[in-house]
Amino acid sequence: VPETRVRHLVGGGARLLLERGFQETGEPASDAMLDLSFDEFIDYYGRHIADHTKLWPGMRDQLDMLAERGALMAVCTNKVEGLSRTLLAMLGIDHYFPVVIGGDTLPVKKPDPEHLFEAIRQLGGAREDAVMVGDSETDVYAAKNAGLPCICVSFGYTRVPVPELDAEAVIDHFDEFPAALAKLMPKYFA
């Protein structure tokens, strides 16, 4: 699969990425092939998890701001929890996220709202004080299913055009994040 097509395949977890990759080649994979490929992919990904991964510009500043204001933060991802924790540590941002809910943490994955509800419970937070920040249709739909507002970044990994996702706020750079928070959570960020 040409590298230019890979970004289009991302979103929804490793197994779905592999399934989409096989479809791109014109040879859909059987469940048995996907099972084998998944194990190989996870092994490779684990050994190269941060080779080309870096934070989006402005993200660390926003994490610092949220931490300084006492915000409780969690990661909700359909990636494997252990690998997600490893990646956060490799990027030096694991201390911001005491809770990580991965695709294998619960019997459900995003867009199921339980993914977000469990993160809020583990943080000791309240749903009415929560906001989802995401980059894909899975994230926005999880927020909608949970009845939470969502800030969607326009530069992430979505297969659906961001304007069609109908998120409560869309940002094009993390410098715009404080204004989006102030709009959605004026009680805390006005």
C-alpha atoms as a PDB file:
ATOM      1  CA  VAL A   1       0.000   0.000   0.000  1.00  0.00           C
ATOM      2  CA  PRO A   2       1.560   3.334  -0.961  1.00  0.00           C
ATOM      3  CA  GLU A   3       2.456   5.556   1.988  1.00  0.00           C
ATOM      4  CA  THR A   4       0.150   8.279   0.641  1.00  0.00           C
ATOM      5  CA  ARG A   5      -2.817   5.925   1.205  1.00  0.00           C
ATOM      6  CA  VAL A   6      -1.887   4.783   4.715  1.00  0.00           C
ATOM      7  CA  ARG A   7      -3.183   7.876   6.533  1.00  0.00           C
ATOM      8  CA  HIS A   8      -6.598   7.200   4.989  1.00  0.00           C
ATOM      9  CA  LEU A   9      -6.581   3.737   6.611  1.00  0.00           C
ATOM     10  CA  VAL A  10      -5.901   4.897  10.186  1.00  0.00           C
ATOM     11  CA  GLY A  11      -8.660   5.042  12.779  1.00  0.00           C
ATOM     12  CA  GLY A  12     -10.575   2.359  14.596  1.00  0.00           C
ATOM     13  CA  GLY A  13      -7.712   0.241  15.854  1.00  0.00           C
ATOM     14  CA  ALA A  14      -5.027  -2.040  14.474  1.00  0.00           C
ATOM     15  CA  ARG A  15      -7.287  -4.823  13.273  1.00  0.00           C
ATOM     16  CA  LEU A  16      -9.411  -2.416  11.242  1.00  0.00           C
ATOM     17  CA  LEU A  17      -6.244  -0.777   9.895  1.00  0.00           C
ATOM     18  CA  LEU A  18      -5.064  -4.181   8.696  1.00  0.00           C
ATOM     19  CA  GLU A  19      -8.454  -5.029   7.226  1.00  0.00           C
ATOM     20  CA  ARG A  20      -8.485  -1.752   5.303  1.00  0.00           C
ATOM     21  CA  GLY A  21      -4.889  -2.339   4.198  1.00  0.00           C
ATOM     22  CA  PHE A  22      -5.740  -5.731   2.761  1.00  0.00           C
ATOM     23  CA  GLN A  23      -8.761  -4.233   0.979  1.00  0.00           C
ATOM     24  CA  GLU A  24      -6.456  -1.589  -0.552  1.00  0.00           C
ATOM     25  CA  THR A  25      -4.398  -4.375  -2.127  1.00  0.00           C
ATOM     26  CA  GLY A  26      -7.512  -5.868  -3.685  1.00  0.00           C
ATOM     27  CA  GLU A  27      -7.190  -9.022  -1.595  1.00  0.00           C
ATOM     28  CA  PRO A  28      -9.496  -8.929   1.434  1.00  0.00           C
ATOM     29  CA  ALA A  29      -8.101 -10.999   4.293  1.00  0.00           C
ATOM     30  CA  SER A  30      -9.802 -13.874   6.040  1.00  0.00           C
ATOM     31  CA  ASP A  31     -10.388 -13.726   9.786  1.00  0.00           C
ATOM     32  CA  ALA A  32      -7.526 -16.194  10.254  1.00  0.00           C
ATOM     33  CA  MET A  33      -5.175 -13.976   8.231  1.00  0.00           C
ATOM     34  CA  LEU A  34      -6.282 -10.918  10.186  1.00  0.00           C
ATOM     35  CA  ASP A  35      -5.642 -12.733  13.469  1.00  0.00           C
ATOM     36  CA  LEU A  36      -2.121 -13.678  12.372  1.00  0.00           C
ATOM     37  CA  SER A  37      -1.427 -10.243  10.900  1.00  0.00           C
ATOM     38  CA  PHE A  38      -2.736  -8.523  14.039  1.00  0.00           C
ATOM     39  CA  ASP A  39      -0.284 -10.393  16.259  1.00  0.00           C
ATOM     40  CA  GLU A  40       2.600  -9.578  13.889  1.00  0.00           C
ATOM     41  CA  PHE A  41       1.533  -5.938  13.661  1.00  0.00           C
ATOM     42  CA  ILE A  42       1.261  -5.508  17.437  1.00  0.00           C
ATOM     43  CA  ASP A  43       4.688  -7.078  17.908  1.00  0.00           C
ATOM     44  CA  TYR A  44       6.270  -4.768  15.316  1.00  0.00           C
ATOM     45  CA  TYR A  45       4.366  -1.718  16.538  1.00  0.00           C
ATOM     46  CA  GLY A  46       5.463  -2.378  20.109  1.00  0.00           C
ATOM     47  CA  ARG A  47       9.122  -2.428  19.056  1.00  0.00           C
ATOM     48  CA  HIS A  48       8.809   0.747  16.929  1.00  0.00           C
ATOM     49  CA  ILE A  49       6.033   2.573  18.756  1.00  0.00           C
ATOM     50  CA  ALA A  50       7.611   6.025  18.793  1.00  0.00           C
ATOM     51  CA  ASP A  51       9.924   5.852  15.773  1.00  0.00           C
ATOM     52  CA  HIS A  52       7.980   8.511  13.860  1.00  0.00           C
ATOM     53  CA  THR A  53       5.550   9.743  16.502  1.00  0.00           C
ATOM     54  CA  LYS A  54       5.657  13.272  17.833  1.00  0.00           C
ATOM     55  CA  LEU A  55       3.223  15.586  19.551  1.00  0.00           C
ATOM     56  CA  TRP A  56       1.178  17.955  17.448  1.00  0.00           C
ATOM     57  CA  PRO A  57       2.498  21.553  17.619  1.00  0.00           C
ATOM     58  CA  GLY A  58       1.200  23.369  20.682  1.00  0.00           C
ATOM     59  CA  MET A  59      -0.103  20.242  22.400  1.00  0.00           C
ATOM     60  CA  ARG A  60       2.389  20.151  25.283  1.00  0.00           C
ATOM     61  CA  ASP A  61       1.612  23.791  26.131  1.00  0.00           C
ATOM     62  CA  GLN A  62      -2.087  22.935  26.363  1.00  0.00           C
ATOM     63  CA  LEU A  63      -1.391  19.884  28.526  1.00  0.00           C
ATOM     64  CA  ASP A  64       0.678  22.089  30.843  1.00  0.00           C
ATOM     65  CA  MET A  65      -2.130  24.646  31.003  1.00  0.00           C
ATOM     66  CA  LEU A  66      -4.704  21.979  31.818  1.00  0.00           C
ATOM     67  CA  ALA A  67      -2.480  20.424  34.481  1.00  0.00           C
ATOM     68  CA  GLU A  68      -1.840  23.838  36.071  1.00  0.00           C
ATOM     69  CA  ARG A  69      -5.603  24.408  36.247  1.00  0.00           C
ATOM     70  CA  GLY A  70      -6.161  21.036  37.901  1.00  0.00           C
ATOM     71  CA  ALA A  71      -7.968  19.401  34.995  1.00  0.00           C
ATOM     72  CA  LEU A  72      -8.361  15.636  35.232  1.00  0.00           C
ATOM     73  CA  MET A  73      -7.226  14.004  32.002  1.00  0.00           C
ATOM     74  CA  ALA A  74      -7.528  10.535  30.546  1.00  0.00           C
ATOM     75  CA  VAL A  75      -6.775   8.875  27.238  1.00  0.00           C
ATOM     76  CA  CYS A  76      -9.568   6.897  25.577  1.00  0.00           C
ATOM     77  CA  THR A  77      -8.255   4.999  22.585  1.00  0.00           C
ATOM     78  CA  ASN A  78      -9.089   1.908  20.613  1.00  0.00           C
ATOM     79  CA  LYS A  79      -5.379   1.031  20.647  1.00  0.00           C
ATOM     80  CA  VAL A  80      -4.190  -1.659  23.038  1.00  0.00           C
ATOM     81  CA  GLU A  81      -3.947  -0.134  26.532  1.00  0.00           C
ATOM     82  CA  GLY A  82      -0.414  -1.365  27.285  1.00  0.00           C
ATOM     83  CA  LEU A  83       0.963  -0.016  24.014  1.00  0.00           C
ATOM     84  CA  SER A  84      -0.851   3.275  24.571  1.00  0.00           C
ATOM     85  CA  ARG A  85       0.766   3.633  27.984  1.00  0.00           C
ATOM     86  CA  THR A  86       4.159   2.846  26.447  1.00  0.00           C
ATOM     87  CA  LEU A  87       3.690   5.482  23.758  1.00  0.00           C
ATOM     88  CA  LEU A  88       2.605   8.125  26.289  1.00  0.00           C
ATOM     89  CA  ALA A  89       5.724   7.362  28.339  1.00  0.00           C
ATOM     90  CA  MET A  90       7.988   7.507  25.277  1.00  0.00           C
ATOM     91  CA  LEU A  91       6.527  10.910  24.410  1.00  0.00           C
ATOM     92  CA  GLY A  92       7.044  12.089  27.995  1.00  0.00           C
ATOM     93  CA  ILE A  93       3.382  12.881  28.604  1.00  0.00           C
ATOM     94  CA  ASP A  94       2.240   9.881  30.644  1.00  0.00           C
ATOM     95  CA  HIS A  95       2.200  11.941  33.850  1.00  0.00           C
ATOM     96  CA  TYR A  96      -0.697  14.001  32.478  1.00  0.00           C
ATOM     97  CA  PHE A  97      -2.877  10.914  32.048  1.00  0.00           C
ATOM     98  CA  PRO A  98      -3.364   8.794  35.165  1.00  0.00           C
ATOM     99  CA  VAL A  99      -6.146   6.912  33.385  1.00  0.00           C
ATOM    100  CA  VAL A 100      -5.826   5.160  30.037  1.00  0.00           C
ATOM    101  CA  ILE A 101      -8.760   3.229  28.620  1.00  0.00           C
ATOM    102  CA  GLY A 102      -7.623   1.149  25.658  1.00  0.00           C
ATOM    103  CA  GLY A 103      -9.403  -0.959  23.117  1.00  0.00           C
ATOM    104  CA  ASP A 104      -8.758  -4.019  25.255  1.00  0.00           C
ATOM    105  CA  THR A 105      -9.543  -2.453  28.659  1.00  0.00           C
ATOM    106  CA  LEU A 106     -13.296  -2.980  28.444  1.00  0.00           C
ATOM    107  CA  PRO A 107     -15.488  -5.359  26.472  1.00  0.00           C
ATOM    108  CA  VAL A 108     -16.498  -2.367  24.299  1.00  0.00           C
ATOM    109  CA  LYS A 109     -14.592   0.200  22.231  1.00  0.00           C
ATOM    110  CA  LYS A 110     -15.330   3.718  21.085  1.00  0.00           C
ATOM    111  CA  PRO A 111     -17.809   4.881  19.872  1.00  0.00           C
ATOM    112  CA  ASP A 112     -19.497   3.040  22.758  1.00  0.00           C
ATOM    113  CA  PRO A 113     -19.997   5.688  25.476  1.00  0.00           C
ATOM    114  CA  GLU A 114     -18.916   3.306  28.237  1.00  0.00           C
ATOM    115  CA  HIS A 115     -15.341   3.959  27.124  1.00  0.00           C
ATOM    116  CA  LEU A 116     -15.690   7.593  28.176  1.00  0.00           C
ATOM    117  CA  PHE A 117     -17.851   6.885  31.209  1.00  0.00           C
ATOM    118  CA  GLU A 118     -15.231   4.506  32.622  1.00  0.00           C
ATOM    119  CA  ALA A 119     -12.501   7.121  32.189  1.00  0.00           C
ATOM    120  CA  ILE A 120     -14.616   9.688  34.033  1.00  0.00           C
ATOM    121  CA  ARG A 121     -15.338   7.183  36.833  1.00  0.00           C
ATOM    122  CA  GLN A 122     -11.674   6.274  37.235  1.00  0.00           C
ATOM    123  CA  LEU A 123     -10.683   9.940  37.327  1.00  0.00           C
ATOM    124  CA  GLY A 124     -13.316  10.652  39.972  1.00  0.00           C
ATOM    125  CA  GLY A 125     -14.858  13.253  37.705  1.00  0.00           C
ATOM    126  CA  ALA A 126     -18.398  14.098  36.674  1.00  0.00           C
ATOM    127  CA  ARG A 127     -19.981  13.765  33.248  1.00  0.00           C
ATOM    128  CA  GLU A 128     -21.344  17.305  33.362  1.00  0.00           C
ATOM    129  CA  ASP A 129     -17.779  18.594  33.727  1.00  0.00           C
ATOM    130  CA  ALA A 130     -16.277  16.489  30.934  1.00  0.00           C
ATOM    131  CA  VAL A 131     -15.312  17.271  27.369  1.00  0.00           C
ATOM    132  CA  MET A 132     -13.908  14.934  24.731  1.00  0.00           C
ATOM    133  CA  VAL A 133     -10.989  16.002  22.551  1.00  0.00           C
ATOM    134  CA  GLY A 134     -10.544  13.876  19.467  1.00  0.00           C
ATOM    135  CA  ASP A 135      -9.500  13.622  15.876  1.00  0.00           C
ATOM    136  CA  SER A 136     -11.874  11.137  14.260  1.00  0.00           C
ATOM    137  CA  GLU A 137     -15.450  10.112  13.691  1.00  0.00           C
ATOM    138  CA  THR A 138     -15.013   7.443  16.368  1.00  0.00           C
ATOM    139  CA  ASP A 139     -14.126  10.123  18.919  1.00  0.00           C
ATOM    140  CA  VAL A 140     -16.945  12.489  17.970  1.00  0.00           C
ATOM    141  CA  TYR A 141     -19.507   9.672  17.899  1.00  0.00           C
ATOM    142  CA  ALA A 142     -18.308   8.404  21.295  1.00  0.00           C
ATOM    143  CA  ALA A 143     -18.800  11.902  22.709  1.00  0.00           C
ATOM    144  CA  LYS A 144     -22.250  12.202  21.143  1.00  0.00           C
ATOM    145  CA  ASN A 145     -23.227   8.757  22.445  1.00  0.00           C
ATOM    146  CA  ALA A 146     -22.059   9.833  25.906  1.00  0.00           C
ATOM    147  CA  GLY A 147     -23.840  13.189  25.732  1.00  0.00           C
ATOM    148  CA  LEU A 148     -20.537  15.042  26.055  1.00  0.00           C
ATOM    149  CA  PRO A 149     -19.314  18.053  24.084  1.00  0.00           C
ATOM    150  CA  CYS A 150     -16.430  17.393  21.732  1.00  0.00           C
ATOM    151  CA  ILE A 151     -13.520  19.431  20.435  1.00  0.00           C
ATOM    152  CA  CYS A 152     -12.315  17.887  17.191  1.00  0.00           C
ATOM    153  CA  VAL A 153      -8.962  18.729  15.643  1.00  0.00           C
ATOM    154  CA  SER A 154      -9.019  19.221  11.882  1.00  0.00           C
ATOM    155  CA  PHE A 155      -5.580  17.666  11.421  1.00  0.00           C
ATOM    156  CA  GLY A 156      -6.133  14.195  12.814  1.00  0.00           C
ATOM    157  CA  TYR A 157      -6.992  10.800  11.412  1.00  0.00           C
ATOM    158  CA  THR A 158     -10.569  10.833  10.238  1.00  0.00           C
ATOM    159  CA  ARG A 159     -12.085   9.181   7.215  1.00  0.00           C
ATOM    160  CA  VAL A 160     -15.081  11.524   7.405  1.00  0.00           C
ATOM    161  CA  PRO A 161     -14.498  15.223   6.666  1.00  0.00           C
ATOM    162  CA  VAL A 162     -14.362  17.068   9.988  1.00  0.00           C
ATOM    163  CA  PRO A 163     -17.173  19.540   9.111  1.00  0.00           C
ATOM    164  CA  GLU A 164     -19.515  16.569   8.567  1.00  0.00           C
ATOM    165  CA  LEU A 165     -18.829  15.228  12.086  1.00  0.00           C
ATOM    166  CA  ASP A 166     -20.780  18.045  13.726  1.00  0.00           C
ATOM    167  CA  ALA A 167     -18.462  18.426  16.720  1.00  0.00           C
ATOM    168  CA  GLU A 168     -19.301  21.297  19.060  1.00  0.00           C
ATOM    169  CA  ALA A 169     -15.918  22.882  18.309  1.00  0.00           C
ATOM    170  CA  VAL A 170     -13.240  22.358  15.658  1.00  0.00           C
ATOM    171  CA  ILE A 171      -9.683  23.616  15.992  1.00  0.00           C
ATOM    172  CA  ASP A 172      -6.992  23.850  13.330  1.00  0.00           C
ATOM    173  CA  HIS A 173      -4.088  24.200  15.807  1.00  0.00           C
ATOM    174  CA  PHE A 174      -3.744  23.600  19.534  1.00  0.00           C
ATOM    175  CA  ASP A 175      -3.282  27.360  20.008  1.00  0.00           C
ATOM    176  CA  GLU A 176      -7.064  27.535  19.418  1.00  0.00           C
ATOM    177  CA  PHE A 177      -7.773  25.036  22.197  1.00  0.00           C
ATOM    178  CA  PRO A 178      -8.279  27.534  25.077  1.00  0.00           C
ATOM    179  CA  ALA A 179     -10.942  29.447  23.131  1.00  0.00           C
ATOM    180  CA  ALA A 180     -12.755  26.195  22.315  1.00  0.00           C
ATOM    181  CA  LEU A 181     -12.670  25.169  25.988  1.00  0.00           C
ATOM    182  CA  ALA A 182     -13.962  28.601  27.030  1.00  0.00           C
ATOM    183  CA  LYS A 183     -16.849  28.215  24.583  1.00  0.00           C
ATOM    184  CA  LEU A 184     -17.790  24.722  25.787  1.00  0.00           C
ATOM    185  CA  MET A 185     -16.931  25.035  29.470  1.00  0.00           C
ATOM    186  CA  PRO A 186     -17.233  28.717  30.432  1.00  0.00           C
ATOM    187  CA  LYS A 187     -17.727  27.746  34.071  1.00  0.00           C
ATOM    188  CA  TYR A 188     -14.085  26.615  34.176  1.00  0.00           C
ATOM    189  CA  PHE A 189     -12.257  28.262  31.288  1.00  0.00           C
ATOM    190  CA  ALA A 190     -13.878  31.653  30.616  1.00  0.00           C
END
